[in-house]
Amino acid sequence: MNVDRAVMAFAGLMILLSVWLAYAVSPWWLLFTAFVGLNMLQSAFTGVCPAAMIFHKIGVKAGCAFQ
């Protein structure tokens, strides 16, 4: 798995988790969903992704999007 796929998998997991938490615990968890979405949007325009940086530091090989 490369960094690109790891970031997408992690973002998808966080969105699904926050939606489940909003359903099971409190609708306030939807703010976390919005945070993940905003982070994905800003990384599309700036090329800076904190999750990609972390995955790179722990040794996940680079992909073509986040280098």
PDB file of N, CA and C in Angstrom:
ATOM      1  N   MET A   1       0.855  -1.175   0.000  1.00  0.00           N
ATOM      2  CA  MET A   1       0.000   0.000   0.000  1.00  0.00           C
ATOM      3  C   MET A   1       0.898   1.233   0.000  1.00  0.00           C
ATOM      4  N   ASN A   2       0.539   2.216  -0.801  1.00  0.00           N
ATOM      5  CA  ASN A   2       1.312   3.455  -0.808  1.00  0.00           C
ATOM      6  C   ASN A   2       0.575   4.532   0.000  1.00  0.00           C
ATOM      7  N   VAL A   3       1.225   5.679   0.136  1.00  0.00           N
ATOM      8  CA  VAL A   3       0.683   6.755   0.962  1.00  0.00           C
ATOM      9  C   VAL A   3      -0.679   7.219   0.442  1.00  0.00           C
ATOM     10  N   ASP A   4      -0.825   7.307  -0.878  1.00  0.00           N
ATOM     11  CA  ASP A   4      -2.085   7.784  -1.453  1.00  0.00           C
ATOM     12  C   ASP A   4      -3.257   6.913  -1.021  1.00  0.00           C
ATOM     13  N   ARG A   5      -3.088   5.620  -1.163  1.00  0.00           N
ATOM     14  CA  ARG A   5      -4.159   4.693  -0.789  1.00  0.00           C
ATOM     15  C   ARG A   5      -4.378   4.671   0.722  1.00  0.00           C
ATOM     16  N   ALA A   6      -3.295   4.782   1.490  1.00  0.00           N
ATOM     17  CA  ALA A   6      -3.419   4.801   2.952  1.00  0.00           C
ATOM     18  C   ALA A   6      -4.208   6.023   3.416  1.00  0.00           C
ATOM     19  N   VAL A   7      -3.950   7.177   2.805  1.00  0.00           N
ATOM     20  CA  VAL A   7      -4.664   8.400   3.177  1.00  0.00           C
ATOM     21  C   VAL A   7      -6.149   8.261   2.848  1.00  0.00           C
ATOM     22  N   MET A   8      -6.461   7.748   1.665  1.00  0.00           N
ATOM     23  CA  MET A   8      -7.867   7.588   1.283  1.00  0.00           C
ATOM     24  C   MET A   8      -8.581   6.584   2.189  1.00  0.00           C
ATOM     25  N   ALA A   9      -7.903   5.483   2.514  1.00  0.00           N
ATOM     26  CA  ALA A   9      -8.493   4.487   3.410  1.00  0.00           C
ATOM     27  C   ALA A   9      -8.720   5.074   4.802  1.00  0.00           C
ATOM     28  N   PHE A  10      -7.744   5.830   5.297  1.00  0.00           N
ATOM     29  CA  PHE A  10      -7.858   6.438   6.617  1.00  0.00           C
ATOM     30  C   PHE A  10      -8.982   7.468   6.653  1.00  0.00           C
ATOM     31  N   ALA A  11      -9.070   8.306   5.615  1.00  0.00           N
ATOM     32  CA  ALA A  11     -10.135   9.318   5.558  1.00  0.00           C
ATOM     33  C   ALA A  11     -11.504   8.652   5.499  1.00  0.00           C
ATOM     34  N   GLY A  12     -11.630   7.615   4.688  1.00  0.00           N
ATOM     35  CA  GLY A  12     -12.900   6.895   4.609  1.00  0.00           C
ATOM     36  C   GLY A  12     -13.285   6.270   5.935  1.00  0.00           C
ATOM     37  N   LEU A  13     -12.296   5.681   6.612  1.00  0.00           N
ATOM     38  CA  LEU A  13     -12.553   5.078   7.917  1.00  0.00           C
ATOM     39  C   LEU A  13     -12.993   6.124   8.935  1.00  0.00           C
ATOM     40  N   MET A  14     -12.329   7.279   8.945  1.00  0.00           N
ATOM     41  CA  MET A  14     -12.695   8.335   9.888  1.00  0.00           C
ATOM     42  C   MET A  14     -14.101   8.871   9.606  1.00  0.00           C
ATOM     43  N   ILE A  15     -14.459   9.007   8.346  1.00  0.00           N
ATOM     44  CA  ILE A  15     -15.801   9.487   8.015  1.00  0.00           C
ATOM     45  C   ILE A  15     -16.852   8.478   8.446  1.00  0.00           C
ATOM     46  N   LEU A  16     -16.627   7.201   8.136  1.00  0.00           N
ATOM     47  CA  LEU A  16     -17.593   6.176   8.548  1.00  0.00           C
ATOM     48  C   LEU A  16     -17.701   6.091  10.063  1.00  0.00           C
ATOM     49  N   LEU A  17     -16.576   6.184  10.756  1.00  0.00           N
ATOM     50  CA  LEU A  17     -16.587   6.144  12.217  1.00  0.00           C
ATOM     51  C   LEU A  17     -17.358   7.326  12.795  1.00  0.00           C
ATOM     52  N   SER A  18     -17.128   8.518  12.257  1.00  0.00           N
ATOM     53  CA  SER A  18     -17.815   9.687  12.798  1.00  0.00           C
ATOM     54  C   SER A  18     -19.317   9.661  12.498  1.00  0.00           C
ATOM     55  N   VAL A  19     -19.701   9.123  11.344  1.00  0.00           N
ATOM     56  CA  VAL A  19     -21.130   8.994  11.048  1.00  0.00           C
ATOM     57  C   VAL A  19     -21.775   8.004  12.011  1.00  0.00           C
ATOM     58  N   TRP A  20     -21.085   6.895  12.272  1.00  0.00           N
ATOM     59  CA  TRP A  20     -21.621   5.907  13.225  1.00  0.00           C
ATOM     60  C   TRP A  20     -21.724   6.526  14.624  1.00  0.00           C
ATOM     61  N   LEU A  21     -20.693   7.280  15.037  1.00  0.00           N
ATOM     62  CA  LEU A  21     -20.737   7.927  16.349  1.00  0.00           C
ATOM     63  C   LEU A  21     -21.849   8.975  16.421  1.00  0.00           C
ATOM     64  N   ALA A  22     -22.097   9.671  15.330  1.00  0.00           N
ATOM     65  CA  ALA A  22     -23.201  10.635  15.299  1.00  0.00           C
ATOM     66  C   ALA A  22     -24.532   9.928  15.471  1.00  0.00           C
ATOM     67  N   TYR A  23     -24.673   8.766  14.885  1.00  0.00           N
ATOM     68  CA  TYR A  23     -25.901   7.986  15.006  1.00  0.00           C
ATOM     69  C   TYR A  23     -26.047   7.400  16.411  1.00  0.00           C
ATOM     70  N   ALA A  24     -24.951   6.833  16.941  1.00  0.00           N
ATOM     71  CA  ALA A  24     -25.014   6.086  18.195  1.00  0.00           C
ATOM     72  C   ALA A  24     -24.841   6.944  19.441  1.00  0.00           C
ATOM     73  N   VAL A  25     -24.089   8.027  19.349  1.00  0.00           N
ATOM     74  CA  VAL A  25     -23.747   8.789  20.553  1.00  0.00           C
ATOM     75  C   VAL A  25     -24.350  10.191  20.537  1.00  0.00           C
ATOM     76  N   SER A  26     -23.923  11.003  19.561  1.00  0.00           N
ATOM     77  CA  SER A  26     -24.369  12.393  19.537  1.00  0.00           C
ATOM     78  C   SER A  26     -24.192  12.968  18.135  1.00  0.00           C
ATOM     79  N   PRO A  27     -25.137  13.781  17.689  1.00  0.00           N
ATOM     80  CA  PRO A  27     -24.989  14.411  16.373  1.00  0.00           C
ATOM     81  C   PRO A  27     -23.787  15.358  16.278  1.00  0.00           C
ATOM     82  N   TRP A  28     -23.224  15.741  17.406  1.00  0.00           N
ATOM     83  CA  TRP A  28     -22.049  16.613  17.405  1.00  0.00           C
ATOM     84  C   TRP A  28     -20.854  15.961  16.726  1.00  0.00           C
ATOM     85  N   TRP A  29     -20.860  14.625  16.615  1.00  0.00           N
ATOM     86  CA  TRP A  29     -19.773  13.936  15.927  1.00  0.00           C
ATOM     87  C   TRP A  29     -19.730  14.276  14.444  1.00  0.00           C
ATOM     88  N   LEU A  30     -20.802  14.842  13.899  1.00  0.00           N
ATOM     89  CA  LEU A  30     -20.794  15.257  12.495  1.00  0.00           C
ATOM     90  C   LEU A  30     -19.811  16.406  12.253  1.00  0.00           C
ATOM     91  N   LEU A  31     -19.449  17.118  13.305  1.00  0.00           N
ATOM     92  CA  LEU A  31     -18.406  18.137  13.171  1.00  0.00           C
ATOM     93  C   LEU A  31     -17.073  17.499  12.804  1.00  0.00           C
ATOM     94  N   PHE A  32     -16.815  16.312  13.310  1.00  0.00           N
ATOM     95  CA  PHE A  32     -15.590  15.586  12.947  1.00  0.00           C
ATOM     96  C   PHE A  32     -15.634  15.184  11.477  1.00  0.00           C
ATOM     97  N   THR A  33     -16.802  14.779  10.994  1.00  0.00           N
ATOM     98  CA  THR A  33     -16.976  14.469   9.579  1.00  0.00           C
ATOM     99  C   THR A  33     -16.650  15.698   8.734  1.00  0.00           C
ATOM    100  N   ALA A  34     -17.150  16.849   9.146  1.00  0.00           N
ATOM    101  CA  ALA A  34     -16.874  18.097   8.429  1.00  0.00           C
ATOM    102  C   ALA A  34     -15.384  18.429   8.464  1.00  0.00           C
ATOM    103  N   PHE A  35     -14.724  18.201   9.592  1.00  0.00           N
ATOM    104  CA  PHE A  35     -13.288  18.446   9.707  1.00  0.00           C
ATOM    105  C   PHE A  35     -12.510  17.589   8.722  1.00  0.00           C
ATOM    106  N   VAL A  36     -12.854  16.312   8.629  1.00  0.00           N
ATOM    107  CA  VAL A  36     -12.167  15.417   7.693  1.00  0.00           C
ATOM    108  C   VAL A  36     -12.388  15.888   6.257  1.00  0.00           C
ATOM    109  N   GLY A  37     -13.619  16.250   5.932  1.00  0.00           N
ATOM    110  CA  GLY A  37     -13.916  16.737   4.592  1.00  0.00           C
ATOM    111  C   GLY A  37     -13.165  18.015   4.255  1.00  0.00           C
ATOM    112  N   LEU A  38     -13.115  18.947   5.191  1.00  0.00           N
ATOM    113  CA  LEU A  38     -12.382  20.195   4.970  1.00  0.00           C
ATOM    114  C   LEU A  38     -10.882  19.945   4.812  1.00  0.00           C
ATOM    115  N   ASN A  39     -10.353  19.005   5.577  1.00  0.00           N
ATOM    116  CA  ASN A  39      -8.940  18.661   5.457  1.00  0.00           C
ATOM    117  C   ASN A  39      -8.646  18.064   4.084  1.00  0.00           C
ATOM    118  N   MET A  40      -9.545  17.206   3.587  1.00  0.00           N
ATOM    119  CA  MET A  40      -9.363  16.638   2.251  1.00  0.00           C
ATOM    120  C   MET A  40      -9.421  17.734   1.188  1.00  0.00           C
ATOM    121  N   LEU A  41     -10.333  18.686   1.361  1.00  0.00           N
ATOM    122  CA  LEU A  41     -10.471  19.777   0.401  1.00  0.00           C
ATOM    123  C   LEU A  41      -9.227  20.668   0.384  1.00  0.00           C
ATOM    124  N   GLN A  42      -8.729  21.035   1.547  1.00  0.00           N
ATOM    125  CA  GLN A  42      -7.547  21.894   1.583  1.00  0.00           C
ATOM    126  C   GLN A  42      -6.329  21.171   1.033  1.00  0.00           C
ATOM    127  N   SER A  43      -6.202  19.873   1.263  1.00  0.00           N
ATOM    128  CA  SER A  43      -5.046  19.149   0.731  1.00  0.00           C
ATOM    129  C   SER A  43      -5.115  19.016  -0.785  1.00  0.00           C
ATOM    130  N   ALA A  44      -6.315  19.017  -1.346  1.00  0.00           N
ATOM    131  CA  ALA A  44      -6.456  18.977  -2.802  1.00  0.00           C
ATOM    132  C   ALA A  44      -5.911  20.252  -3.440  1.00  0.00           C
ATOM    133  N   PHE A  45      -6.053  21.390  -2.751  1.00  0.00           N
ATOM    134  CA  PHE A  45      -5.599  22.658  -3.313  1.00  0.00           C
ATOM    135  C   PHE A  45      -4.164  23.010  -2.928  1.00  0.00           C
ATOM    136  N   THR A  46      -3.750  22.606  -1.720  1.00  0.00           N
ATOM    137  CA  THR A  46      -2.418  22.999  -1.260  1.00  0.00           C
ATOM    138  C   THR A  46      -1.376  21.907  -1.426  1.00  0.00           C
ATOM    139  N   GLY A  47      -1.810  20.649  -1.495  1.00  0.00           N
ATOM    140  CA  GLY A  47      -0.865  19.535  -1.571  1.00  0.00           C
ATOM    141  C   GLY A  47      -0.271  19.171  -0.221  1.00  0.00           C
ATOM    142  N   VAL A  48      -0.753  19.804   0.839  1.00  0.00           N
ATOM    143  CA  VAL A  48      -0.258  19.536   2.194  1.00  0.00           C
ATOM    144  C   VAL A  48      -1.291  18.689   2.915  1.00  0.00           C
ATOM    145  N   CYS A  49      -0.883  17.492   3.316  1.00  0.00           N
ATOM    146  CA  CYS A  49      -1.789  16.589   4.011  1.00  0.00           C
ATOM    147  C   CYS A  49      -1.096  16.037   5.252  1.00  0.00           C
ATOM    148  N   PRO A  50      -1.582  16.394   6.440  1.00  0.00           N
ATOM    149  CA  PRO A  50      -0.961  15.904   7.666  1.00  0.00           C
ATOM    150  C   PRO A  50      -0.929  14.377   7.756  1.00  0.00           C
ATOM    151  N   ALA A  51      -2.004  13.729   7.336  1.00  0.00           N
ATOM    152  CA  ALA A  51      -2.032  12.262   7.386  1.00  0.00           C
ATOM    153  C   ALA A  51      -0.977  11.665   6.473  1.00  0.00           C
ATOM    154  N   ALA A  52      -0.783  12.242   5.287  1.00  0.00           N
ATOM    155  CA  ALA A  52       0.236  11.748   4.354  1.00  0.00           C
ATOM    156  C   ALA A  52       1.627  11.897   4.958  1.00  0.00           C
ATOM    157  N   MET A  53       1.854  13.007   5.653  1.00  0.00           N
ATOM    158  CA  MET A  53       3.152  13.221   6.299  1.00  0.00           C
ATOM    159  C   MET A  53       3.409  12.168   7.371  1.00  0.00           C
ATOM    160  N   ILE A  54       2.382  11.851   8.139  1.00  0.00           N
ATOM    161  CA  ILE A  54       2.526  10.847   9.191  1.00  0.00           C
ATOM    162  C   ILE A  54       2.762   9.469   8.595  1.00  0.00           C
ATOM    163  N   PHE A  55       1.985   9.103   7.577  1.00  0.00           N
ATOM    164  CA  PHE A  55       2.190   7.804   6.938  1.00  0.00           C
ATOM    165  C   PHE A  55       3.584   7.705   6.334  1.00  0.00           C
ATOM    166  N   HIS A  56       4.079   8.787   5.746  1.00  0.00           N
ATOM    167  CA  HIS A  56       5.422   8.783   5.166  1.00  0.00           C
ATOM    168  C   HIS A  56       6.481   8.577   6.250  1.00  0.00           C
ATOM    169  N   LYS A  57       6.280   9.236   7.395  1.00  0.00           N
ATOM    170  CA  LYS A  57       7.250   9.125   8.492  1.00  0.00           C
ATOM    171  C   LYS A  57       7.286   7.726   9.098  1.00  0.00           C
ATOM    172  N   ILE A  58       6.164   7.009   9.054  1.00  0.00           N
ATOM    173  CA  ILE A  58       6.172   5.659   9.630  1.00  0.00           C
ATOM    174  C   ILE A  58       6.595   4.609   8.611  1.00  0.00           C
ATOM    175  N   GLY A  59       6.959   5.062   7.405  1.00  0.00           N
ATOM    176  CA  GLY A  59       7.575   4.149   6.458  1.00  0.00           C
ATOM    177  C   GLY A  59       6.703   3.643   5.325  1.00  0.00           C
ATOM    178  N   VAL A  60       5.531   4.212   5.138  1.00  0.00           N
ATOM    179  CA  VAL A  60       4.696   3.796   4.004  1.00  0.00           C
ATOM    180  C   VAL A  60       5.316   4.399   2.747  1.00  0.00           C
ATOM    181  N   LYS A  61       5.460   3.600   1.701  1.00  0.00           N
ATOM    182  CA  LYS A  61       6.119   4.096   0.489  1.00  0.00           C
ATOM    183  C   LYS A  61       5.293   5.185  -0.186  1.00  0.00           C
ATOM    184  N   ALA A  62       5.996   6.076  -0.870  1.00  0.00           N
ATOM    185  CA  ALA A  62       5.342   7.223  -1.513  1.00  0.00           C
ATOM    186  C   ALA A  62       4.506   6.792  -2.696  1.00  0.00           C
ATOM    187  N   GLY A  63       3.458   7.548  -2.926  1.00  0.00           N
ATOM    188  CA  GLY A  63       2.637   7.383  -4.112  1.00  0.00           C
ATOM    189  C   GLY A  63       2.865   8.551  -5.045  1.00  0.00           C
ATOM    190  N   CYS A  64       2.013   8.698  -6.041  1.00  0.00           N
ATOM    191  CA  CYS A  64       2.230   9.799  -6.996  1.00  0.00           C
ATOM    192  C   CYS A  64       1.589  11.106  -6.536  1.00  0.00           C
ATOM    193  N   ALA A  65       0.604  11.073  -5.657  1.00  0.00           N
ATOM    194  CA  ALA A  65      -0.079  12.303  -5.254  1.00  0.00           C
ATOM    195  C   ALA A  65       0.657  13.038  -4.136  1.00  0.00           C
ATOM    196  N   PHE A  66       1.103  12.332  -3.127  1.00  0.00           N
ATOM    197  CA  PHE A  66       1.764  12.944  -1.977  1.00  0.00           C
ATOM    198  C   PHE A  66       3.231  12.526  -1.959  1.00  0.00           C
ATOM    199  N   GLN A  67       4.103  13.408  -2.407  1.00  0.00           N
ATOM    200  CA  GLN A  67       5.533  13.071  -2.445  1.00  0.00           C
ATOM    201  C   GLN A  67       6.328  14.039  -1.606  1.00  0.00           C
TER     202      GLN A  67
END
